[in-house]
Amino acid sequence: MTKKMLQGIAAGIMLTTLIFAYNFYFTNNFTVIKDQPDNVIGEVSEEDIEQYLKSHNLVAVDKLEYEELLNLKKVEKEEVEKNDEDGRQEEVVEDDSIKEVLFVVEPGTSSGTVGIMLEEEGLIDDRQQFENYLSDAGLETQIRAGEYYLSTGMSLEEIIENLT
């Protein structure tokens, strides 16, 4: 910066300060923004509440009625759990059937993401166990991209053998 540039900047600052000072001391053109006092809060009527509930498809319920509904729901849940004990034994038999799943590994997918995907598909029970096995065997970077047909009855070792 040259000496003339600095003098120009200083002159601009001085001129701006003078204009603001004149405006502050010699004019009454101030716009004052008045806030509402803290103790004044907008009143909400029952009509406003009803309108809000209708517009959001909500319902207002008394506290006692709400507690009764919760208790009723809890009792129904307990009854369903008692009835499902027999049904769970049947479900276990059905879950033992082996199903084949098309598993796709995209290029650049990390071994952690593959573990999450395998767990979501129900092919493995524990993603952490999958990742630990890969790291122990040094195969974290060896997973190949592609499409694989994996079945739910496969062991962890068989799944990793197919993917690497």
C-alpha atoms as a PDB file:
ATOM      1  CA  MET A   1       0.000   0.000   0.000  1.00  0.00           C
ATOM      2  CA  THR A   2       1.156   3.423  -0.807  1.00  0.00           C
ATOM      3  CA  LYS A   3       1.042   6.489   1.352  1.00  0.00           C
ATOM      4  CA  LYS A   4      -1.763   8.027  -0.746  1.00  0.00           C
ATOM      5  CA  MET A   5      -3.926   4.884  -0.418  1.00  0.00           C
ATOM      6  CA  LEU A   6      -3.636   4.920   3.364  1.00  0.00           C
ATOM      7  CA  GLN A   7      -4.481   8.615   3.449  1.00  0.00           C
ATOM      8  CA  GLY A   8      -7.564   7.934   1.292  1.00  0.00           C
ATOM      9  CA  ILE A   9      -8.756   5.143   3.587  1.00  0.00           C
ATOM     10  CA  ALA A  10      -8.237   7.332   6.658  1.00  0.00           C
ATOM     11  CA  ALA A  11     -10.145  10.199   5.037  1.00  0.00           C
ATOM     12  CA  GLY A  12     -13.036   7.827   4.225  1.00  0.00           C
ATOM     13  CA  ILE A  13     -13.217   6.596   7.810  1.00  0.00           C
ATOM     14  CA  MET A  14     -13.178  10.156   9.135  1.00  0.00           C
ATOM     15  CA  LEU A  15     -15.912  11.277   6.723  1.00  0.00           C
ATOM     16  CA  THR A  16     -18.122   8.302   7.618  1.00  0.00           C
ATOM     17  CA  THR A  17     -17.662   8.973  11.334  1.00  0.00           C
ATOM     18  CA  LEU A  18     -18.621  12.622  10.861  1.00  0.00           C
ATOM     19  CA  ILE A  19     -21.784  11.703   8.935  1.00  0.00           C
ATOM     20  CA  PHE A  20     -22.886   9.216  11.608  1.00  0.00           C
ATOM     21  CA  ALA A  21     -22.110  11.685  14.412  1.00  0.00           C
ATOM     22  CA  TYR A  22     -24.129  14.434  12.709  1.00  0.00           C
ATOM     23  CA  ASN A  23     -27.050  12.045  12.183  1.00  0.00           C
ATOM     24  CA  PHE A  24     -26.905  10.900  15.822  1.00  0.00           C
ATOM     25  CA  TYR A  25     -26.688  14.318  17.481  1.00  0.00           C
ATOM     26  CA  PHE A  26     -28.653  16.637  15.189  1.00  0.00           C
ATOM     27  CA  THR A  27     -31.543  14.603  13.756  1.00  0.00           C
ATOM     28  CA  ASN A  28     -34.490  12.801  15.318  1.00  0.00           C
ATOM     29  CA  ASN A  29     -34.886  10.167  12.609  1.00  0.00           C
ATOM     30  CA  PHE A  30     -34.496   7.163  14.863  1.00  0.00           C
ATOM     31  CA  THR A  31     -36.556   4.073  14.466  1.00  0.00           C
ATOM     32  CA  VAL A  32     -36.971   2.388  17.800  1.00  0.00           C
ATOM     33  CA  ILE A  33     -37.911  -1.253  17.914  1.00  0.00           C
ATOM     34  CA  LYS A  34     -39.991  -1.934  20.971  1.00  0.00           C
ATOM     35  CA  ASP A  35     -40.152  -5.481  22.264  1.00  0.00           C
ATOM     36  CA  GLN A  36     -43.118  -6.780  24.158  1.00  0.00           C
ATOM     37  CA  PRO A  37     -42.467  -6.918  27.869  1.00  0.00           C
ATOM     38  CA  ASP A  38     -41.491 -10.337  29.166  1.00  0.00           C
ATOM     39  CA  ASN A  39     -44.483 -10.554  31.469  1.00  0.00           C
ATOM     40  CA  VAL A  40     -46.990 -10.208  28.590  1.00  0.00           C
ATOM     41  CA  ILE A  41     -47.516 -13.539  26.900  1.00  0.00           C
ATOM     42  CA  GLY A  42     -50.028 -14.100  24.142  1.00  0.00           C
ATOM     43  CA  GLU A  43     -53.268 -15.593  25.407  1.00  0.00           C
ATOM     44  CA  VAL A  44     -54.289 -18.942  23.938  1.00  0.00           C
ATOM     45  CA  SER A  45     -57.980 -19.690  23.966  1.00  0.00           C
ATOM     46  CA  GLU A  46     -59.666 -23.091  23.930  1.00  0.00           C
ATOM     47  CA  GLU A  47     -60.839 -22.348  20.398  1.00  0.00           C
ATOM     48  CA  ASP A  48     -57.215 -21.908  19.310  1.00  0.00           C
ATOM     49  CA  ILE A  49     -56.303 -25.232  20.888  1.00  0.00           C
ATOM     50  CA  GLU A  50     -59.248 -27.029  19.264  1.00  0.00           C
ATOM     51  CA  GLN A  51     -58.392 -25.512  15.891  1.00  0.00           C
ATOM     52  CA  TYR A  52     -54.753 -26.610  16.253  1.00  0.00           C
ATOM     53  CA  LEU A  53     -55.774 -30.145  17.215  1.00  0.00           C
ATOM     54  CA  LYS A  54     -58.169 -30.424  14.268  1.00  0.00           C
ATOM     55  CA  SER A  55     -55.622 -29.098  11.784  1.00  0.00           C
ATOM     56  CA  HIS A  56     -53.009 -31.633  12.963  1.00  0.00           C
ATOM     57  CA  ASN A  57     -55.468 -34.545  13.323  1.00  0.00           C
ATOM     58  CA  LEU A  58     -54.867 -34.800  17.073  1.00  0.00           C
ATOM     59  CA  VAL A  59     -57.193 -35.519  19.972  1.00  0.00           C
ATOM     60  CA  ALA A  60     -57.142 -34.117  23.506  1.00  0.00           C
ATOM     61  CA  VAL A  61     -57.653 -36.742  26.237  1.00  0.00           C
ATOM     62  CA  ASP A  62     -58.065 -36.313  29.996  1.00  0.00           C
ATOM     63  CA  LYS A  63     -55.202 -37.567  32.134  1.00  0.00           C
ATOM     64  CA  LEU A  64     -57.329 -40.265  33.819  1.00  0.00           C
ATOM     65  CA  GLU A  65     -58.622 -41.502  30.483  1.00  0.00           C
ATOM     66  CA  TYR A  66     -55.064 -41.573  29.127  1.00  0.00           C
ATOM     67  CA  GLU A  67     -53.861 -43.653  32.081  1.00  0.00           C
ATOM     68  CA  GLU A  68     -56.768 -46.077  31.576  1.00  0.00           C
ATOM     69  CA  LEU A  69     -55.810 -46.453  27.924  1.00  0.00           C
ATOM     70  CA  LEU A  70     -52.194 -47.159  28.891  1.00  0.00           C
ATOM     71  CA  ASN A  71     -53.274 -49.800  31.415  1.00  0.00           C
ATOM     72  CA  LEU A  72     -55.598 -51.397  28.854  1.00  0.00           C
ATOM     73  CA  LYS A  73     -52.790 -51.480  26.307  1.00  0.00           C
ATOM     74  CA  LYS A  74     -50.458 -53.072  28.866  1.00  0.00           C
ATOM     75  CA  VAL A  75     -53.019 -55.781  29.712  1.00  0.00           C
ATOM     76  CA  GLU A  76     -53.575 -56.529  26.015  1.00  0.00           C
ATOM     77  CA  LYS A  77     -49.827 -56.794  25.472  1.00  0.00           C
ATOM     78  CA  GLU A  78     -49.508 -59.283  28.334  1.00  0.00           C
ATOM     79  CA  GLU A  79     -52.354 -61.379  26.884  1.00  0.00           C
ATOM     80  CA  VAL A  80     -50.717 -61.372  23.462  1.00  0.00           C
ATOM     81  CA  GLU A  81     -47.410 -62.471  24.994  1.00  0.00           C
ATOM     82  CA  LYS A  82     -49.135 -65.362  26.791  1.00  0.00           C
ATOM     83  CA  ASN A  83     -50.862 -66.439  23.588  1.00  0.00           C
ATOM     84  CA  ASP A  84     -47.664 -66.113  21.543  1.00  0.00           C
ATOM     85  CA  GLU A  85     -45.693 -68.587  23.657  1.00  0.00           C
ATOM     86  CA  ASP A  86     -47.244 -71.453  21.689  1.00  0.00           C
ATOM     87  CA  GLY A  87     -46.902 -69.503  18.438  1.00  0.00           C
ATOM     88  CA  ARG A  88     -43.185 -68.882  19.000  1.00  0.00           C
ATOM     89  CA  GLN A  89     -42.418 -72.583  19.003  1.00  0.00           C
ATOM     90  CA  GLU A  90     -44.057 -72.874  15.586  1.00  0.00           C
ATOM     91  CA  GLU A  91     -42.173 -69.818  14.307  1.00  0.00           C
ATOM     92  CA  VAL A  92     -38.837 -71.328  15.321  1.00  0.00           C
ATOM     93  CA  VAL A  93     -39.550 -74.342  13.126  1.00  0.00           C
ATOM     94  CA  GLU A  94     -40.402 -72.068  10.202  1.00  0.00           C
ATOM     95  CA  ASP A  95     -37.260 -69.933  10.687  1.00  0.00           C
ATOM     96  CA  ASP A  96     -35.037 -73.012  10.474  1.00  0.00           C
ATOM     97  CA  SER A  97     -35.768 -73.293   6.758  1.00  0.00           C
ATOM     98  CA  ILE A  98     -32.835 -72.205   4.620  1.00  0.00           C
ATOM     99  CA  LYS A  99     -33.372 -69.417   2.129  1.00  0.00           C
ATOM    100  CA  GLU A 100     -31.001 -68.195  -0.530  1.00  0.00           C
ATOM    101  CA  VAL A 101     -30.292 -64.475  -0.786  1.00  0.00           C
ATOM    102  CA  LEU A 102     -28.737 -62.500  -3.636  1.00  0.00           C
ATOM    103  CA  PHE A 103     -26.084 -60.415  -1.904  1.00  0.00           C
ATOM    104  CA  VAL A 104     -24.522 -57.522  -3.849  1.00  0.00           C
ATOM    105  CA  VAL A 105     -21.217 -55.902  -2.867  1.00  0.00           C
ATOM    106  CA  GLU A 106     -20.624 -52.591  -4.636  1.00  0.00           C
ATOM    107  CA  PRO A 107     -17.074 -51.490  -5.529  1.00  0.00           C
ATOM    108  CA  GLY A 108     -15.475 -49.514  -2.694  1.00  0.00           C
ATOM    109  CA  THR A 109     -17.694 -50.974   0.027  1.00  0.00           C
ATOM    110  CA  SER A 110     -15.835 -51.337   3.320  1.00  0.00           C
ATOM    111  CA  SER A 111     -15.750 -54.560   5.301  1.00  0.00           C
ATOM    112  CA  GLY A 112     -17.716 -52.871   8.097  1.00  0.00           C
ATOM    113  CA  THR A 113     -20.493 -51.941   5.679  1.00  0.00           C
ATOM    114  CA  VAL A 114     -20.517 -55.485   4.282  1.00  0.00           C
ATOM    115  CA  GLY A 115     -20.890 -56.774   7.848  1.00  0.00           C
ATOM    116  CA  ILE A 116     -23.841 -54.465   8.444  1.00  0.00           C
ATOM    117  CA  MET A 117     -25.475 -55.571   5.182  1.00  0.00           C
ATOM    118  CA  LEU A 118     -24.962 -59.261   6.035  1.00  0.00           C
ATOM    119  CA  GLU A 119     -26.512 -58.719   9.454  1.00  0.00           C
ATOM    120  CA  GLU A 120     -29.504 -56.880   7.959  1.00  0.00           C
ATOM    121  CA  GLU A 121     -30.089 -59.733   5.499  1.00  0.00           C
ATOM    122  CA  GLY A 122     -30.036 -62.222   8.379  1.00  0.00           C
ATOM    123  CA  LEU A 123     -27.039 -64.096   7.001  1.00  0.00           C
ATOM    124  CA  ILE A 124     -24.934 -63.530  10.125  1.00  0.00           C
ATOM    125  CA  ASP A 125     -25.930 -62.977  13.741  1.00  0.00           C
ATOM    126  CA  ASP A 126     -23.161 -60.620  14.845  1.00  0.00           C
ATOM    127  CA  ARG A 127     -21.446 -58.106  12.591  1.00  0.00           C
ATOM    128  CA  GLN A 128     -18.641 -57.577  15.122  1.00  0.00           C
ATOM    129  CA  GLN A 129     -17.810 -61.284  14.997  1.00  0.00           C
ATOM    130  CA  PHE A 130     -17.617 -61.013  11.180  1.00  0.00           C
ATOM    131  CA  GLU A 131     -15.267 -58.014  11.375  1.00  0.00           C
ATOM    132  CA  ASN A 132     -13.091 -59.697  14.015  1.00  0.00           C
ATOM    133  CA  TYR A 133     -12.767 -62.831  11.876  1.00  0.00           C
ATOM    134  CA  LEU A 134     -11.776 -60.731   8.848  1.00  0.00           C
ATOM    135  CA  SER A 135      -9.159 -58.780  10.793  1.00  0.00           C
ATOM    136  CA  ASP A 136      -7.716 -61.924  12.413  1.00  0.00           C
ATOM    137  CA  ALA A 137      -7.384 -63.558   8.995  1.00  0.00           C
ATOM    138  CA  GLY A 138      -6.077 -60.329   7.393  1.00  0.00           C
ATOM    139  CA  LEU A 139      -8.910 -60.288   4.856  1.00  0.00           C
ATOM    140  CA  GLU A 140     -10.406 -56.819   5.478  1.00  0.00           C
ATOM    141  CA  THR A 141      -9.241 -55.550   2.090  1.00  0.00           C
ATOM    142  CA  GLN A 142      -9.827 -58.809   0.214  1.00  0.00           C
ATOM    143  CA  ILE A 143     -13.629 -58.584  -0.157  1.00  0.00           C
ATOM    144  CA  ARG A 144     -14.480 -58.550  -3.857  1.00  0.00           C
ATOM    145  CA  ALA A 145     -17.269 -56.542  -5.444  1.00  0.00           C
ATOM    146  CA  GLY A 146     -19.954 -58.550  -7.181  1.00  0.00           C
ATOM    147  CA  GLU A 147     -23.158 -60.534  -6.789  1.00  0.00           C
ATOM    148  CA  TYR A 148     -23.185 -63.557  -4.516  1.00  0.00           C
ATOM    149  CA  TYR A 149     -25.839 -66.146  -3.772  1.00  0.00           C
ATOM    150  CA  LEU A 150     -25.608 -66.823  -0.052  1.00  0.00           C
ATOM    151  CA  SER A 151     -27.896 -68.989   2.045  1.00  0.00           C
ATOM    152  CA  THR A 152     -28.949 -68.420   5.635  1.00  0.00           C
ATOM    153  CA  GLY A 153     -27.542 -71.790   6.692  1.00  0.00           C
ATOM    154  CA  MET A 154     -23.959 -70.921   5.715  1.00  0.00           C
ATOM    155  CA  SER A 155     -21.308 -70.589   8.392  1.00  0.00           C
ATOM    156  CA  LEU A 156     -19.280 -67.419   8.841  1.00  0.00           C
ATOM    157  CA  GLU A 157     -16.242 -69.066   7.258  1.00  0.00           C
ATOM    158  CA  GLU A 158     -18.245 -70.137   4.184  1.00  0.00           C
ATOM    159  CA  ILE A 159     -19.639 -66.635   3.704  1.00  0.00           C
ATOM    160  CA  ILE A 160     -16.182 -65.062   3.959  1.00  0.00           C
ATOM    161  CA  GLU A 161     -14.762 -67.672   1.575  1.00  0.00           C
ATOM    162  CA  ASN A 162     -17.401 -66.722  -1.018  1.00  0.00           C
ATOM    163  CA  LEU A 163     -16.828 -62.979  -0.592  1.00  0.00           C
ATOM    164  CA  THR A 164     -13.001 -63.095  -0.836  1.00  0.00           C
END
